[in-house]
Amino acid sequence: MPSLTWNASLENNLAQMDETHREFVECYNAVATAAPEAFLAAFDRLIAHTVAHFDLENRWMAAVDFPGCHRAEHDRVLAVMRDIRKRVEKGDMFLGRRLIEELPAWFENHVNGMDAALAFHLQSIGFDVERGILEPLAEGEQRGAGCGCASMNSPEPMSAAASAA
């Protein structure tokens, strides 16, 4: 049975992001351990969490004009989750379970790649994630620049489940 365990390697030292990622792990584990008759309800909670989770990060990215490759990955993952949700609702548990097998590897890669770059960028430019604003600079200070997003070699999210869908 697949599972995700919260550990220090998933921390990006941005409290609100780390808390959202802990919640993702909890929602994921609820789906991974759900009995067949409870799978869809648990999967719906994971999707609802993921929508809110990605919306939060997308708002941060929009506020600082962060490169769109990160948001595009969010969009792809949600599209796959929603498509597989429809299939599970019709009784196709194979793809639902397959997605659950693939999510841990995708999540760990995403958190340690794209989310780490976002967290670093937000911190380096003084973005206050709680208030959604850039902190004022002291005279003579300059903001950090770039995120490295375009240079990441991140695999396509959930490739097997997406291609099976």
Protein backbone atom coordinates (compact mmCIF):
# COMPACT_ATOMS: atom_id res chain seq x y z
CA MET A 1 0.00 0.00 0.00
CA PRO A 2 1.54 3.34 -1.03
CA SER A 3 1.97 6.06 1.55
CA LEU A 4 3.60 9.43 2.03
CA THR A 5 5.41 10.33 5.21
CA TRP A 6 6.02 13.93 6.20
CA ASN A 7 9.73 14.43 6.83
CA ALA A 8 12.36 17.16 6.80
CA SER A 9 13.17 16.56 3.12
CA LEU A 10 9.72 17.97 2.25
CA GLU A 11 10.23 21.24 4.14
CA ASN A 12 10.89 24.43 2.20
CA ASN A 13 11.23 26.68 5.26
CA LEU A 14 8.15 28.67 4.33
CA ALA A 15 5.67 27.92 7.14
CA GLN A 16 2.44 28.36 5.19
CA MET A 17 3.72 26.28 2.27
CA ASP A 18 5.04 23.56 4.58
CA GLU A 19 1.71 23.39 6.44
CA THR A 20 -0.19 23.06 3.16
CA HIS A 21 2.17 20.27 2.13
CA ARG A 22 1.61 18.48 5.47
CA GLU A 23 -2.14 18.66 4.80
CA PHE A 24 -1.60 17.21 1.31
CA VAL A 25 0.27 14.26 2.88
CA GLU A 26 -2.63 13.69 5.32
CA CYS A 27 -5.25 13.85 2.56
CA TYR A 28 -3.18 11.59 0.33
CA ASN A 29 -2.77 8.97 3.08
CA ALA A 30 -6.53 9.02 3.73
CA VAL A 31 -7.10 8.10 0.06
CA ALA A 32 -4.30 5.53 0.00
CA THR A 33 -5.77 3.70 3.00
CA ALA A 34 -9.45 4.14 2.12
CA ALA A 35 -11.66 1.10 1.73
CA PRO A 36 -13.11 0.79 -1.80
CA GLU A 37 -16.49 2.19 -0.70
CA ALA A 38 -14.78 5.24 0.90
CA PHE A 39 -12.21 5.85 -1.84
CA LEU A 40 -14.24 8.38 -3.87
CA ALA A 41 -15.13 10.53 -0.84
CA ALA A 42 -11.49 10.55 0.31
CA PHE A 43 -10.35 11.30 -3.25
CA ASP A 44 -12.81 14.22 -3.41
CA ARG A 45 -11.26 15.63 -0.21
CA LEU A 46 -7.78 15.28 -1.74
CA ILE A 47 -8.93 17.09 -4.89
CA ALA A 48 -10.56 19.89 -2.86
CA HIS A 49 -7.38 20.29 -0.81
CA THR A 50 -5.24 20.26 -3.96
CA VAL A 51 -7.38 22.98 -5.59
CA ALA A 52 -7.01 25.23 -2.51
CA HIS A 53 -3.31 24.34 -2.19
CA PHE A 54 -2.54 25.18 -5.82
CA ASP A 55 -4.72 28.32 -5.74
CA LEU A 56 -2.65 29.60 -2.81
CA GLU A 57 0.66 29.01 -4.58
CA ASN A 58 -0.75 30.40 -7.84
CA ARG A 59 -1.77 33.64 -6.06
CA TRP A 60 1.77 33.99 -4.70
CA MET A 61 3.23 33.39 -8.15
CA ALA A 62 0.88 35.91 -9.77
CA ALA A 63 1.75 38.53 -7.15
CA VAL A 64 5.47 38.29 -7.95
CA ASP A 65 5.24 37.48 -11.68
CA PHE A 66 6.79 34.04 -11.17
CA PRO A 67 7.34 31.97 -14.34
CA GLY A 68 4.28 30.08 -15.59
CA CYS A 69 5.81 26.60 -15.81
CA HIS A 70 4.92 25.97 -12.16
CA ARG A 71 1.28 26.98 -12.62
CA ALA A 72 1.10 24.89 -15.79
CA GLU A 73 2.15 21.82 -13.79
CA HIS A 74 -0.57 22.56 -11.24
CA ASP A 75 -3.10 22.74 -14.08
CA ARG A 76 -1.92 19.40 -15.54
CA VAL A 77 -2.08 17.61 -12.20
CA LEU A 78 -5.60 18.89 -11.48
CA ALA A 79 -6.74 17.90 -14.98
CA VAL A 80 -5.46 14.35 -14.41
CA MET A 81 -7.03 14.16 -10.95
CA ARG A 82 -10.40 15.38 -12.22
CA ASP A 83 -10.36 13.00 -15.19
CA ILE A 84 -9.50 10.04 -12.99
CA ARG A 85 -12.15 11.11 -10.48
CA LYS A 86 -14.80 10.82 -13.23
CA ARG A 87 -13.52 7.35 -14.09
CA VAL A 88 -13.54 6.22 -10.45
CA GLU A 89 -17.10 7.49 -10.11
CA LYS A 90 -18.01 5.19 -13.03
CA GLY A 91 -16.35 2.25 -11.27
CA ASP A 92 -12.86 2.32 -12.82
CA MET A 93 -10.81 1.84 -9.66
CA PHE A 94 -7.71 0.74 -11.59
CA LEU A 95 -6.75 4.27 -12.63
CA GLY A 96 -7.65 5.67 -9.23
CA ARG A 97 -5.30 3.22 -7.52
CA ARG A 98 -2.66 3.78 -10.20
CA LEU A 99 -2.73 7.52 -9.56
CA ILE A 100 -2.34 6.88 -5.83
CA GLU A 101 0.74 4.77 -6.59
CA GLU A 102 2.30 7.58 -8.63
CA LEU A 103 1.46 10.61 -6.50
CA PRO A 104 4.21 10.19 -3.85
CA ALA A 105 7.04 10.32 -6.41
CA TRP A 106 5.43 13.27 -8.21
CA PHE A 107 4.76 15.12 -4.93
CA GLU A 108 8.30 14.70 -3.60
CA ASN A 109 9.76 15.86 -6.93
CA HIS A 110 7.39 18.84 -7.13
CA VAL A 111 8.00 19.94 -3.52
CA ASN A 112 11.78 19.61 -3.85
CA GLY A 113 11.92 21.20 -7.31
CA MET A 114 9.29 23.72 -8.28
CA ASP A 115 8.01 24.49 -4.77
CA ALA A 116 11.54 24.81 -3.39
CA ALA A 117 12.34 27.30 -6.15
CA LEU A 118 9.16 29.24 -5.42
CA ALA A 119 9.84 29.31 -1.66
CA PHE A 120 13.42 30.45 -2.23
CA HIS A 121 12.29 33.17 -4.64
CA LEU A 122 9.56 34.46 -2.33
CA GLN A 123 12.00 34.60 0.57
CA SER A 124 14.77 36.19 -1.50
CA ILE A 125 12.57 39.06 -2.66
CA GLY A 126 10.96 39.64 0.74
CA PHE A 127 7.44 38.51 -0.17
CA ASP A 128 5.17 38.20 2.88
CA VAL A 129 3.03 35.13 2.10
CA GLU A 130 0.68 35.84 5.02
CA ARG A 131 -0.24 39.30 3.74
CA GLY A 132 0.46 38.69 0.05
CA ILE A 133 2.77 41.70 -0.28
CA LEU A 134 6.41 42.52 -0.89
CA GLU A 135 8.15 43.83 2.20
CA PRO A 136 9.63 47.32 1.71
CA LEU A 137 13.35 47.43 1.00
CA ALA A 138 15.83 49.37 3.05
CA GLU A 139 17.57 52.15 1.17
CA GLY A 140 20.16 50.70 -1.22
CA GLU A 141 18.83 47.11 -1.00
CA GLN A 142 17.96 45.19 -4.15
CA ARG A 143 15.59 42.29 -4.60
CA GLY A 144 16.78 38.82 -5.59
CA ALA A 145 15.87 37.76 -9.10
CA GLY A 146 15.06 34.58 -10.97
CA CYS A 147 13.73 31.25 -9.86
CA GLY A 148 15.52 28.68 -11.97
CA CYS A 149 12.14 27.32 -13.04
CA ALA A 150 12.94 27.27 -16.74
CA SER A 151 16.09 25.25 -16.14
CA MET A 152 14.44 22.50 -14.10
CA ASN A 153 14.37 19.06 -15.61
CA SER A 154 11.12 18.01 -13.95
CA PRO A 155 9.44 14.97 -15.48
CA GLU A 156 5.87 15.22 -16.64
CA PRO A 157 3.57 14.82 -13.64
CA MET A 158 2.09 11.37 -13.14
CA SER A 159 3.11 10.25 -16.62
CA ALA A 160 1.76 6.70 -16.48
CA ALA A 161 -1.61 7.68 -15.06
CA ALA A 162 -1.89 10.57 -17.50
CA SER A 163 -1.07 8.42 -20.49
CA ALA A 164 -3.46 5.71 -19.30
CA ALA A 165 -6.25 8.27 -18.92
